[in-house]
Structure formats: structure tokens, C-alpha cells
Amino acid sequence: MNRTRTGMGTGTDAATGRALAEELLDGCATAVPEPGAGPEVWLAFAEQVRSRAHGGRRPPVPAPPALRLCHPRGWVREAALAEPGAPAELVAVLTTDSAAPVRDRARALMEHLLVARPGATLRALTPLALRLGRRSRGGWILDRFEEALRRQAAAAAPWWHLPGPSAPPHGGAGAVLAELLGCPDRQARQFAVRLALTGPGRTDALECARRAAAECDPAAAGLWTDAALAAADDAVIGAVIDVLTGARTPAVRAAGVTALRRAGRAAEGVSHLADRSGLVRSCARWLVGQDGGDPHEHYRWLVRDPAGPSPYAVAGLAECGRGEDTGLLRELVAHPAGPVRAAALAGLRRRDAVVADSVLLALLDDPTPSVAREASLGLLPAAGRLDPAHLAGRLDPRGPLHIRRAAFRLLRARGGIHALRAAVALIDDWHPRTRETARTVVRACQWHPAQFDGEADRAELAALLKRSAKLFGDYELGLRRSRLGLTT
């Protein structure tokens, strides 16, 4: 069974590697990560095998090959490298080994793999080599992989003729670099981008812009963006900017908006004032100001648009920081569009403008989740003077999730017995994040009667503890019972 999945998080990958190591140490000779497993799987696997075997655990006899390659004794690891069929991933790990004989033999094997099967080795091991390169003895493998990839890139057509990130793999000298440019592993993708941009030949500005616009990793997108703007001349700068300003990554759009001034198109900054990203809005305000305009006036016009204001225009108006706009933002709290109401509340909170508790309490029941959230955030400073019964009545699991979460946020801010009651009521909530937050609150409670300062008696605390007993181990539960004076 394939134990790894593409796209799993680093923590999950590491847990998978440790679990396989434990199975291997228990005698399951096939409990080895599959060739397509991520680098964290292999690193955690090797570390777990060595640390657990080094801790006095007796390995199975005869020891499987993978176990010998991770054995705590260097001479065992060195001998295992001489056997055929060693996983290339473990060979890579051993190129950073603390024992020089092991390290030298592993490096010789890796040199052979890079010569005999360069494409397959680079595809499979580049993400792992990048992690190993951060180790004290990892410079060798990182240098060798970079050298091999540069050779591959030099033998290929110019990189901008290679397939884009969404294209299927193909053969040829540039296939490895092309695949790494779209590799799911972000570190490998960034590494490939740097190699492509520092390789021989000119840089195609428009292709860099296209790749920046399609890139989902902010760091890689930033590399493509910088290269596109650096390589763009007067003939293509307009087309480059058009591509960048249509990108999905805010930093790429912001770079495109900023570059409008260079292209003599600063007047277009007005069209980006209501961008969904605060970073882009900030760059657009700077651009409009550089062109002699007043972004604040543009925002006031956008907010009064008869067709209805954009919530991002409302946010931009609040970001201008003018006190004269407070009244306009208060009016927008009653706007028919939920996102506009939420943006107005966020703007008022941003400038510490006072909104009546009664208004915010009414907005806790708003059908738009973002409005209820902003209302609860606005009420946090007043949490101690709110009616806890009013909030507790909104914790019903059958009610809207966003209202329940907003009420729970305020009860947690209030603290004391009201926070504990709410948390116990939600320890079985159907929503995973709400359920886990509630359980965290319950587990963090010390259950000392004095902690609640007369807000609850021992009988109520004992009942709450009984309802949440499943969250504690026997010792933890006994400790809390003894604090409440419960002996039976």
C-alpha cells in the first residue's frame, strides 16, 4: 500500500517516515518508504531508525537492508552500501554521514548515479538534496546536483522554450529542469527557477512574467517577477505589466502596479485602488499620488458609486486614515451588502472608532459570516460587560456556525466560568476547529474553585468536569477531581 501522498504536509510526511521506521524495527522488512515519497519521509525514517536502534532497541535478525543503511554503527552502514539495491534516497542521506568512510562510499555511489542515470536521479532526489544541503556536511551533494542540473540546462533549448508548469513531462535534455520548474516541492521549484534565471543566454521578459502570473508559490513568483522587470525593455514593458497586474499572487500584482510609472502609465493606478489585496491598494495609492492625484478622493467617489461600493474600496478608504470618513463608514455598517458591512466594521475598528455595543450585538446575528466576525472583534474590549446569557444562547450546534464561533470568541475573552461553560458545551461540536478550540480551553483549565472567584460552586464544576472527563487521562482526571475535593 502506498503510504505517502503527493501534497501531504511536512508534519504528516515526517510522521509517516517515523511510523515506517517503527514497523521496520519490529521486523517488517518491507516497511520502507516508496521511491516517490517526499524528502521529509526519508529524513524522518532514517533518523528514527538510527535513534531508536541506538537507544538499545535490538534490531531484527537478519537485519533488512534499509535498517543496515541506517544502523548506528558506521561499519555496518559502510558494508550495507556495498550491497546492491540500496535505495538512492538513503545513499543521498549517507553522503552527509559523520563517518568519513561511509560518507566517501555514499558519495562515490551518488556520483555513479548522476552519471549513469542523471535524469531519473535529479528528478527523484533534488528535493532531498536541498534539505541535506543545509547540514554541516551537505555542501557536497548540493554542489553536485546544481552542477548536474546546469549541465542539463546548458544542453537544452533556452529555458523559456521548455514546457510551462502545467505541461506534461517530456523527453530531452531540458526535461528535468522543465519538470522541476513545476515541481510540487516548493524548495525544488525555487531552486530550478534560480538555475533557469542564472543560466546561459538571455532572459525572456514576457515568459518570466507569464510564469510569475501562473506561480502559486510567492517566493518563486517573486523570482520570476524580478527577472521579468529587469529584462523588460521599452518594447515589451507594457505587455509584461499587463501580465503581472493580472496575476493571482498579490506581490506580483503589486510589482506590476508599481511598474506602471516606469511605463508612463501612472494614470492607470486608479483602476487598482480597489484591489482585493491591501498590498496592491497601497501601491496603487502611492502611484496615484506620484501622478499628482488624490487617492482619498477617488475612494470617496468609489464608495458613493450608485452601482454599489466594492468592499475593497471601503477597505481602501479606511486605510487612508482620514477622520472625516468615520461618519461615512458608520453609514455603510447598514449597507445591504454583507461584505460592505464587514469592510465598514473593519475600517471603524482600524481607526478605533466607537460603535455602540447594541449595534455590534445586533450584528452578531448577521447572516454574513464576515460581519459577525468583525462585530465580535469589535466587541472584544467590551466582553466583560456583555450579558453572558445572551452570548450563551448562541452556542446551539443547530444554529449557524459563524454566530456560534463569534459568541464563543467573546465568552473566551470574558474568561472565568462563562468561558468554561461555553467550552464544555462545544467539546463535541461538529465543526473541527471549534471543537478543538473548545477542548483546548477545557484542558487548560486548572479546575481550582478559587479560580472562579465565587462564580460557580463545586457542584457545578464537578458536573462540568464529568461532562468533559473523556478529554483527560486517568491521572489528569484524578488530579482535577482532587482539586475539587471529589474523593469518590
Protein backbone atom coordinates (compact mmCIF):
# COMPACT_ATOMS: atom_id res chain seq x y z
CA MET A 1 0.00 0.00 0.00
CA ASN A 2 1.26 3.46 -0.85
CA ARG A 3 1.79 5.20 2.45
CA THR A 4 2.63 8.62 1.06
CA ARG A 5 0.57 11.07 -0.92
CA THR A 6 1.64 13.99 -3.04
CA GLY A 7 0.94 17.27 -1.32
CA MET A 8 0.90 15.96 2.25
CA GLY A 9 2.15 18.40 4.84
CA THR A 10 5.65 18.22 6.26
CA GLY A 11 4.38 17.10 9.66
CA THR A 12 2.34 14.30 8.15
CA ASP A 13 5.27 13.21 5.98
CA ALA A 14 7.58 13.06 8.97
CA ALA A 15 5.03 11.06 10.95
CA THR A 16 4.76 8.62 8.04
CA GLY A 17 8.53 8.17 7.99
CA ARG A 18 8.69 7.55 11.73
CA ALA A 19 5.83 5.06 11.57
CA LEU A 20 7.57 3.09 8.81
CA ALA A 21 10.78 3.09 10.85
CA GLU A 22 8.96 1.60 13.84
CA GLU A 23 7.46 -1.12 11.64
CA LEU A 24 10.90 -1.90 10.21
CA LEU A 25 12.38 -2.19 13.70
CA ASP A 26 9.52 -4.51 14.63
CA GLY A 27 10.63 -6.90 11.91
CA CYS A 28 8.61 -5.83 8.86
CA ALA A 29 11.32 -5.89 6.19
CA THR A 30 9.07 -4.20 3.60
CA ALA A 31 8.34 -1.17 5.79
CA VAL A 32 10.43 1.22 3.70
CA PRO A 33 9.26 4.47 2.09
CA GLU A 34 8.36 4.12 -1.55
CA PRO A 35 10.54 5.81 -4.21
CA GLY A 36 8.04 8.62 -4.69
CA ALA A 37 7.91 9.52 -1.00
CA GLY A 38 8.72 13.10 -0.06
CA PRO A 39 12.09 14.16 1.39
CA GLU A 40 10.68 14.58 4.90
CA VAL A 41 9.53 10.95 4.86
CA TRP A 42 13.03 9.67 4.11
CA LEU A 43 14.78 12.01 6.54
CA ALA A 44 12.41 11.13 9.40
CA PHE A 45 12.66 7.42 8.54
CA ALA A 46 16.50 7.41 8.62
CA GLU A 47 16.66 9.47 11.82
CA GLN A 48 14.08 7.34 13.61
CA VAL A 49 15.75 4.04 12.72
CA ARG A 50 19.17 5.23 13.86
CA SER A 51 17.99 6.90 17.08
CA ARG A 52 15.74 4.02 18.15
CA ALA A 53 18.34 1.36 17.36
CA HIS A 54 20.99 3.45 19.10
CA GLY A 55 18.76 3.66 22.16
CA GLY A 56 19.20 -0.01 22.99
CA ARG A 57 16.42 -1.47 20.90
CA ARG A 58 17.58 -4.75 19.39
CA PRO A 59 17.06 -4.83 15.61
CA PRO A 60 15.59 -7.92 13.97
CA VAL A 61 17.96 -10.63 12.76
CA PRO A 62 18.77 -10.78 9.92
CA ALA A 63 18.56 -7.01 9.60
CA PRO A 64 16.79 -5.73 6.44
CA PRO A 65 18.97 -3.68 4.02
CA ALA A 66 17.29 -0.37 4.89
CA LEU A 67 17.92 -0.97 8.58
CA ARG A 68 21.62 -1.68 7.98
CA LEU A 69 21.93 1.53 5.96
CA CYS A 70 20.59 3.47 8.97
CA HIS A 71 22.39 1.39 11.61
CA PRO A 72 24.03 3.34 14.43
CA ARG A 73 27.39 1.62 13.78
CA GLY A 74 29.36 3.12 10.94
CA TRP A 75 30.98 -0.12 9.75
CA VAL A 76 27.51 -1.65 9.31
CA ARG A 77 26.37 1.32 7.23
CA GLU A 78 29.53 1.18 5.13
CA ALA A 79 29.13 -2.55 4.46
CA ALA A 80 25.45 -2.07 3.55
CA LEU A 81 26.44 0.47 0.89
CA ALA A 82 28.47 -2.24 -0.85
CA GLU A 83 25.35 -4.36 -1.32
CA PRO A 84 23.25 -3.96 -4.48
CA GLY A 85 19.84 -2.31 -4.41
CA ALA A 86 20.42 0.36 -1.76
CA PRO A 87 17.62 2.98 -2.03
CA ALA A 88 19.04 6.08 -3.70
CA GLU A 89 17.37 8.26 -1.05
CA LEU A 90 19.33 6.56 1.76
CA VAL A 91 22.52 6.80 -0.28
CA ALA A 92 21.88 10.53 -0.53
CA VAL A 93 21.36 10.78 3.23
CA LEU A 94 24.65 8.96 3.85
CA THR A 95 26.60 11.47 1.73
CA THR A 96 26.35 13.70 4.81
CA ASP A 97 27.28 10.93 7.27
CA SER A 98 29.54 11.76 10.20
CA ALA A 99 31.81 8.77 9.46
CA ALA A 100 34.23 9.58 6.63
CA PRO A 101 34.39 6.02 5.17
CA VAL A 102 30.59 5.88 4.98
CA ARG A 103 30.40 9.36 3.53
CA ASP A 104 33.06 8.67 0.89
CA ARG A 105 31.44 5.44 -0.29
CA ALA A 106 27.99 7.05 -0.43
CA ARG A 107 29.38 9.95 -2.46
CA ALA A 108 31.04 7.58 -4.90
CA LEU A 109 27.69 5.79 -5.37
CA MET A 110 25.90 9.09 -5.88
CA GLU A 111 28.49 10.15 -8.49
CA HIS A 112 27.80 6.90 -10.33
CA LEU A 113 24.02 7.52 -10.24
CA LEU A 114 24.43 11.05 -11.58
CA VAL A 115 26.48 9.75 -14.50
CA ALA A 116 24.54 6.56 -15.24
CA ARG A 117 21.00 7.87 -14.67
CA PRO A 118 21.21 11.67 -14.42
CA GLY A 119 17.60 12.44 -15.34
CA ALA A 120 15.95 9.95 -13.00
CA THR A 121 18.33 10.78 -10.14
CA LEU A 122 17.82 14.53 -10.42
CA ARG A 123 14.04 14.19 -10.65
CA ALA A 124 13.80 11.92 -7.64
CA LEU A 125 16.42 13.36 -5.31
CA THR A 126 16.65 17.11 -5.88
CA PRO A 127 14.12 17.96 -3.10
CA LEU A 128 16.02 15.68 -0.71
CA ALA A 129 19.40 17.09 -1.76
CA LEU A 130 18.18 20.60 -0.97
CA ARG A 131 17.29 19.56 2.59
CA LEU A 132 20.58 17.74 3.01
CA GLY A 133 22.43 20.81 1.73
CA ARG A 134 21.55 22.61 4.97
CA ARG A 135 23.53 20.08 7.01
CA SER A 136 27.12 20.68 8.07
CA ARG A 137 28.40 18.15 5.51
CA GLY A 138 25.69 18.79 2.94
CA GLY A 139 27.57 21.16 0.67
CA TRP A 140 28.91 18.33 -1.49
CA ILE A 141 25.58 16.90 -2.62
CA LEU A 142 24.08 20.33 -3.18
CA ASP A 143 27.03 21.37 -5.35
CA ARG A 144 26.92 18.14 -7.34
CA PHE A 145 23.20 18.42 -8.03
CA GLU A 146 23.48 22.06 -9.02
CA GLU A 147 26.36 21.20 -11.38
CA ALA A 148 24.42 18.31 -12.93
CA LEU A 149 21.31 20.42 -13.41
CA ARG A 150 23.32 23.21 -15.01
CA ARG A 151 24.78 20.68 -17.45
CA GLN A 152 21.28 19.51 -18.30
CA ALA A 153 20.06 23.07 -18.77
CA ALA A 154 23.04 24.03 -20.94
CA ALA A 155 22.34 21.11 -23.28
CA ALA A 156 18.68 22.09 -23.66
CA ALA A 157 16.96 24.73 -25.72
CA PRO A 158 16.58 28.11 -23.98
CA TRP A 159 14.61 27.52 -20.80
CA TRP A 160 11.70 29.68 -21.95
CA HIS A 161 11.08 27.17 -24.74
CA LEU A 162 10.60 24.44 -22.16
CA PRO A 163 7.06 23.42 -21.18
CA GLY A 164 5.38 25.55 -18.55
CA PRO A 165 4.46 24.29 -15.06
CA SER A 166 1.20 22.75 -16.24
CA ALA A 167 2.66 20.91 -19.25
CA PRO A 168 3.17 17.14 -19.16
CA PRO A 169 6.72 15.73 -18.82
CA HIS A 170 8.67 15.22 -21.99
CA GLY A 171 11.97 13.76 -23.03
CA GLY A 172 15.12 15.61 -23.95
CA ALA A 173 17.98 17.33 -22.22
CA GLY A 174 15.77 20.04 -20.68
CA ALA A 175 13.13 17.68 -19.36
CA VAL A 176 14.46 17.63 -15.79
CA LEU A 177 14.64 21.40 -15.47
CA ALA A 178 11.19 21.74 -17.02
CA GLU A 179 9.72 19.30 -14.52
CA LEU A 180 11.45 20.94 -11.57
CA LEU A 181 10.05 24.32 -12.62
CA GLY A 182 6.62 22.83 -11.92
CA CYS A 183 7.67 20.51 -9.07
CA PRO A 184 5.15 20.23 -6.20
CA ASP A 185 8.04 20.70 -3.76
CA ARG A 186 8.43 24.45 -3.29
CA GLN A 187 12.11 24.38 -2.42
CA ALA A 188 12.92 22.38 -5.55
CA ARG A 189 10.82 24.73 -7.65
CA GLN A 190 12.60 27.80 -6.31
CA PHE A 191 15.95 26.10 -6.89
CA ALA A 192 15.02 25.36 -10.50
CA VAL A 193 13.86 28.93 -11.08
CA ARG A 194 17.20 30.30 -9.85
CA LEU A 195 19.07 27.89 -12.12
CA ALA A 196 16.95 28.86 -15.11
CA LEU A 197 17.45 32.57 -14.50
CA THR A 198 21.21 32.37 -13.93
CA GLY A 199 21.90 30.01 -16.82
CA PRO A 200 23.48 30.96 -20.13
CA GLY A 201 21.60 33.04 -22.66
CA ARG A 202 19.27 35.96 -22.40
CA THR A 203 16.15 36.14 -20.25
CA ASP A 204 12.77 36.33 -21.95
CA ALA A 205 10.91 39.03 -20.01
CA LEU A 206 7.43 38.16 -21.21
CA GLU A 207 7.83 34.46 -20.47
CA CYS A 208 9.11 35.31 -16.99
CA ALA A 209 6.02 37.45 -16.46
CA ARG A 210 3.74 34.64 -17.61
CA ARG A 211 5.36 32.20 -15.22
CA ALA A 212 5.16 34.74 -12.37
CA ALA A 213 1.45 35.18 -13.02
CA ALA A 214 0.85 31.42 -13.00
CA GLU A 215 3.06 30.66 -9.99
CA CYS A 216 1.33 29.87 -6.68
CA ASP A 217 4.49 29.92 -4.53
CA PRO A 218 5.20 33.56 -3.51
CA ALA A 219 8.98 33.10 -3.38
CA ALA A 220 9.20 31.56 -6.85
CA ALA A 221 6.74 34.12 -8.19
CA GLY A 222 8.94 36.88 -6.81
CA LEU A 223 11.98 35.49 -8.63
CA TRP A 224 10.10 35.40 -11.94
CA THR A 225 8.71 38.90 -11.36
CA ASP A 226 12.08 40.47 -10.60
CA ALA A 227 13.59 38.80 -13.66
CA ALA A 228 10.72 39.93 -15.90
CA LEU A 229 11.00 43.57 -14.86
CA ALA A 230 14.81 43.54 -15.03
CA ALA A 231 14.84 42.09 -18.56
CA ALA A 232 11.96 44.15 -19.97
CA ASP A 233 12.87 46.85 -22.44
CA ASP A 234 10.65 49.61 -23.81
CA ALA A 235 9.25 47.29 -26.47
CA VAL A 236 7.81 44.72 -24.06
CA ILE A 237 7.42 46.54 -20.73
CA GLY A 238 3.76 47.28 -21.42
CA ALA A 239 2.93 43.65 -22.16
CA VAL A 240 4.93 42.49 -19.12
CA ILE A 241 3.00 44.86 -16.84
CA ASP A 242 -0.35 43.72 -18.26
CA VAL A 243 0.53 40.11 -17.42
CA LEU A 244 1.83 40.93 -13.93
CA THR A 245 -1.19 43.04 -12.93
CA GLY A 246 -3.43 40.09 -13.81
CA ALA A 247 -1.56 37.64 -11.57
CA ARG A 248 -3.20 35.83 -8.68
CA THR A 249 -0.33 36.47 -6.23
CA PRO A 250 -0.71 39.90 -4.55
CA ALA A 251 3.03 40.63 -4.52
CA VAL A 252 3.22 40.05 -8.28
CA ARG A 253 0.25 42.35 -8.93
CA ALA A 254 1.81 44.96 -6.64
CA ALA A 255 5.06 44.84 -8.60
CA GLY A 256 3.13 45.28 -11.84
CA VAL A 257 1.19 48.24 -10.44
CA THR A 258 4.39 49.90 -9.21
CA ALA A 259 5.99 49.41 -12.65
CA LEU A 260 3.17 51.35 -14.32
CA ARG A 261 5.03 54.57 -13.52
CA ARG A 262 8.11 53.30 -15.34
CA ALA A 263 5.98 52.68 -18.42
CA GLY A 264 4.43 56.15 -18.26
CA ARG A 265 1.03 54.70 -17.31
CA ALA A 266 0.71 56.06 -13.77
CA ALA A 267 -2.83 57.26 -14.51
CA GLU A 268 -3.92 53.61 -14.54
CA GLY A 269 -3.21 53.35 -10.83
CA VAL A 270 -6.78 54.49 -10.15
CA SER A 271 -8.12 51.20 -11.52
CA HIS A 272 -6.16 49.27 -8.88
CA LEU A 273 -7.24 51.30 -5.83
CA ALA A 274 -9.97 48.76 -5.03
CA ASP A 275 -7.84 45.64 -5.46
CA ARG A 276 -8.67 42.75 -3.15
CA SER A 277 -5.14 42.89 -1.68
CA GLY A 278 -4.12 45.57 0.79
CA LEU A 279 -0.57 45.45 -0.58
CA VAL A 280 -1.76 46.25 -4.10
CA ARG A 281 -4.06 49.00 -2.83
CA SER A 282 -1.11 50.57 -1.01
CA CYS A 283 1.00 50.53 -4.19
CA ALA A 284 -1.90 51.99 -6.18
CA ARG A 285 -2.30 54.86 -3.69
CA TRP A 286 1.42 55.62 -3.99
CA LEU A 287 1.16 55.56 -7.79
CA VAL A 288 -1.84 57.86 -7.87
CA GLY A 289 -0.09 60.25 -5.51
CA GLN A 290 3.06 60.23 -7.66
CA ASP A 291 0.90 61.16 -10.63
CA GLY A 292 -0.46 64.19 -8.77
CA GLY A 293 -3.80 62.66 -7.86
CA ASP A 294 -5.57 62.26 -4.52
CA PRO A 295 -6.35 58.60 -3.80
CA HIS A 296 -8.61 59.61 -0.92
CA GLU A 297 -10.96 61.50 -3.20
CA HIS A 298 -11.06 58.58 -5.60
CA TYR A 299 -12.02 56.29 -2.73
CA ARG A 300 -14.83 58.57 -1.62
CA TRP A 301 -16.15 58.56 -5.16
CA LEU A 302 -15.89 54.77 -5.38
CA VAL A 303 -17.70 54.32 -2.07
CA ARG A 304 -20.54 56.56 -3.22
CA ASP A 305 -20.85 54.74 -6.54
CA PRO A 306 -24.61 54.41 -7.31
CA ALA A 307 -23.98 50.87 -8.56
CA GLY A 308 -22.83 49.92 -5.08
CA PRO A 309 -19.39 50.19 -3.46
CA SER A 310 -16.85 47.41 -3.55
CA PRO A 311 -15.88 46.14 -0.08
CA TYR A 312 -12.26 46.63 -1.16
CA ALA A 313 -12.95 50.29 -1.93
CA VAL A 314 -14.38 50.63 1.57
CA ALA A 315 -11.27 48.99 2.98
CA GLY A 316 -9.08 51.33 0.95
CA LEU A 317 -10.96 54.36 2.24
CA ALA A 318 -10.37 53.22 5.82
CA GLU A 319 -6.68 52.67 5.04
CA CYS A 320 -6.34 56.34 4.08
CA GLY A 321 -6.75 57.14 7.77
CA ARG A 322 -8.83 60.31 7.43
CA GLY A 323 -11.01 61.12 10.45
CA GLU A 324 -13.59 62.77 8.24
CA ASP A 325 -14.53 59.34 6.83
CA THR A 326 -15.78 57.90 10.13
CA GLY A 327 -19.33 59.07 9.52
CA LEU A 328 -19.37 57.57 6.05
CA LEU A 329 -18.12 54.26 7.40
CA ARG A 330 -20.85 54.29 10.06
CA GLU A 331 -23.44 54.71 7.32
CA LEU A 332 -22.03 51.74 5.45
CA VAL A 333 -22.49 49.48 8.50
CA ALA A 334 -26.16 49.39 7.47
CA HIS A 335 -25.44 48.72 3.78
CA PRO A 336 -27.50 45.89 2.19
CA ALA A 337 -24.38 44.03 1.01
CA GLY A 338 -22.78 41.90 3.72
CA PRO A 339 -19.15 42.25 2.52
CA VAL A 340 -19.56 46.04 2.53
CA ARG A 341 -20.91 45.95 6.09
CA ALA A 342 -17.94 43.82 7.15
CA ALA A 343 -15.44 46.15 5.47
CA ALA A 344 -17.03 49.16 7.16
CA LEU A 345 -16.83 47.50 10.58
CA ALA A 346 -13.21 46.54 9.97
CA GLY A 347 -12.45 50.12 8.94
CA LEU A 348 -14.05 51.55 12.08
CA ARG A 349 -12.13 49.11 14.24
CA ARG A 350 -8.93 50.01 12.41
CA ARG A 351 -9.30 53.66 13.42
CA ASP A 352 -10.56 52.82 16.97
CA ALA A 353 -13.88 54.49 16.26
CA VAL A 354 -16.54 53.81 18.89
CA VAL A 355 -19.51 51.74 17.77
CA ALA A 356 -22.35 51.21 20.22
CA ASP A 357 -22.38 47.80 21.89
CA SER A 358 -26.05 47.43 20.98
CA VAL A 359 -25.24 47.84 17.27
CA LEU A 360 -22.43 45.30 17.39
CA LEU A 361 -24.53 42.85 19.41
CA ALA A 362 -27.24 43.01 16.78
CA LEU A 363 -24.65 42.36 14.08
CA LEU A 364 -23.53 39.17 15.85
CA ASP A 365 -26.64 37.58 14.32
CA ASP A 366 -25.87 38.91 10.85
CA PRO A 367 -26.32 36.27 8.11
CA THR A 368 -22.94 37.18 6.58
CA PRO A 369 -20.12 35.38 8.45
CA SER A 370 -17.58 38.17 7.92
CA VAL A 371 -19.94 40.69 9.52
CA ALA A 372 -20.48 38.56 12.62
CA ARG A 373 -16.74 38.04 12.88
CA GLU A 374 -15.98 41.77 12.65
CA ALA A 375 -18.72 42.52 15.17
CA SER A 376 -17.25 40.05 17.64
CA LEU A 377 -13.76 41.51 17.18
CA GLY A 378 -15.17 44.97 17.78
CA LEU A 379 -16.82 43.75 20.99
CA LEU A 380 -13.72 42.10 22.45
CA PRO A 381 -12.75 45.16 24.56
CA ALA A 382 -16.29 45.17 25.96
CA ALA A 383 -16.51 41.41 26.59
CA GLY A 384 -16.54 41.86 30.37
CA ARG A 385 -19.71 43.98 30.36
CA LEU A 386 -21.75 41.89 27.92
CA ASP A 387 -24.59 39.67 29.09
CA PRO A 388 -23.13 36.14 29.12
CA ALA A 389 -26.59 34.57 28.88
CA HIS A 390 -27.19 36.48 25.63
CA LEU A 391 -23.98 35.03 24.20
CA ALA A 392 -24.50 31.52 25.58
CA GLY A 393 -27.85 31.36 23.83
CA ARG A 394 -26.00 31.48 20.51
CA LEU A 395 -23.93 28.33 21.12
CA ASP A 396 -26.56 25.90 19.89
CA PRO A 397 -24.86 23.47 17.45
CA ARG A 398 -28.01 23.54 15.32
CA GLY A 399 -27.57 27.26 14.72
CA PRO A 400 -25.31 29.00 12.17
CA LEU A 401 -21.64 28.19 12.69
CA HIS A 402 -20.39 31.76 12.30
CA ILE A 403 -22.74 33.03 15.02
CA ARG A 404 -21.67 30.26 17.36
CA ARG A 405 -17.99 30.99 16.76
CA ALA A 406 -18.49 34.73 17.30
CA ALA A 407 -20.29 34.16 20.62
CA PHE A 408 -17.65 31.65 21.72
CA ARG A 409 -14.88 34.14 20.91
CA LEU A 410 -16.47 36.70 23.22
CA LEU A 411 -17.11 34.23 26.03
CA ARG A 412 -13.48 33.11 25.88
CA ALA A 413 -12.42 36.75 26.10
CA ARG A 414 -14.65 37.19 29.15
CA GLY A 415 -12.99 34.20 30.84
CA GLY A 416 -13.95 32.62 34.11
CA ILE A 417 -16.83 30.20 34.45
CA HIS A 418 -18.60 31.59 31.38
CA ALA A 419 -15.69 30.60 29.14
CA LEU A 420 -15.55 27.14 30.73
CA ARG A 421 -19.28 26.55 30.36
CA ALA A 422 -19.14 27.54 26.70
CA ALA A 423 -16.11 25.34 26.05
CA VAL A 424 -17.68 22.28 27.68
CA ALA A 425 -20.84 22.85 25.65
CA LEU A 426 -18.81 22.75 22.42
CA ILE A 427 -16.39 19.85 23.05
CA ASP A 428 -18.44 17.70 20.65
CA ASP A 429 -19.24 20.38 18.10
CA TRP A 430 -19.45 19.12 14.52
CA HIS A 431 -17.01 21.80 13.31
CA PRO A 432 -13.42 20.51 13.81
CA ARG A 433 -11.75 23.83 14.58
CA THR A 434 -14.45 24.94 17.01
CA ARG A 435 -14.38 21.55 18.69
CA GLU A 436 -10.60 21.60 19.09
CA THR A 437 -10.58 25.17 20.41
CA ALA A 438 -13.20 24.22 23.00
CA ARG A 439 -11.23 21.18 24.07
CA THR A 440 -8.06 23.25 24.39
CA VAL A 441 -9.87 25.67 26.72
CA VAL A 442 -11.16 22.79 28.85
CA ARG A 443 -7.76 21.12 29.08
CA ALA A 444 -6.06 24.40 30.01
CA CYS A 445 -8.44 24.98 32.93
CA GLN A 446 -6.86 24.29 36.34
CA TRP A 447 -10.23 23.44 37.94
CA HIS A 448 -9.41 25.20 41.21
CA PRO A 449 -12.62 26.53 42.83
CA ALA A 450 -10.75 29.69 43.80
CA GLN A 451 -10.00 30.30 40.11
CA PHE A 452 -13.65 31.24 39.52
CA ASP A 453 -13.90 33.72 42.39
CA GLY A 454 -17.35 32.72 43.56
CA GLU A 455 -18.83 32.49 40.05
CA ALA A 456 -19.51 28.76 40.40
CA ASP A 457 -19.79 26.26 43.22
CA ARG A 458 -18.06 22.89 43.46
CA ALA A 459 -21.19 21.05 42.36
CA GLU A 460 -21.33 22.85 39.03
CA LEU A 461 -17.60 22.41 38.46
CA ALA A 462 -17.89 18.72 39.24
CA ALA A 463 -20.72 18.40 36.71
CA LEU A 464 -18.70 20.21 34.04
CA LEU A 465 -15.69 18.02 34.74
CA LYS A 466 -17.82 14.90 34.45
CA ARG A 467 -19.11 16.04 31.04
CA SER A 468 -15.55 16.61 29.81
CA ALA A 469 -13.90 13.63 31.53
CA LYS A 470 -13.10 11.94 28.21
CA LEU A 471 -10.59 14.68 27.42
CA PHE A 472 -8.29 13.65 30.26
CA GLY A 473 -6.22 10.63 31.11
CA ASP A 474 -6.75 8.85 34.42
CA TYR A 475 -4.01 10.77 36.19
CA GLU A 476 -5.09 14.17 34.84
CA LEU A 477 -8.71 13.49 35.69
CA GLY A 478 -7.81 12.33 39.20
CA LEU A 479 -5.72 15.46 39.78
CA ARG A 480 -8.59 17.73 38.77
CA ARG A 481 -11.05 15.76 40.89
CA SER A 482 -8.81 16.11 43.91
CA ARG A 483 -8.61 19.87 43.37
CA LEU A 484 -12.40 19.95 43.54
CA GLY A 485 -12.39 17.81 46.66
CA LEU A 486 -14.04 14.84 44.92
CA THR A 487 -12.88 11.63 46.58
CA THR A 488 -15.29 9.16 45.05
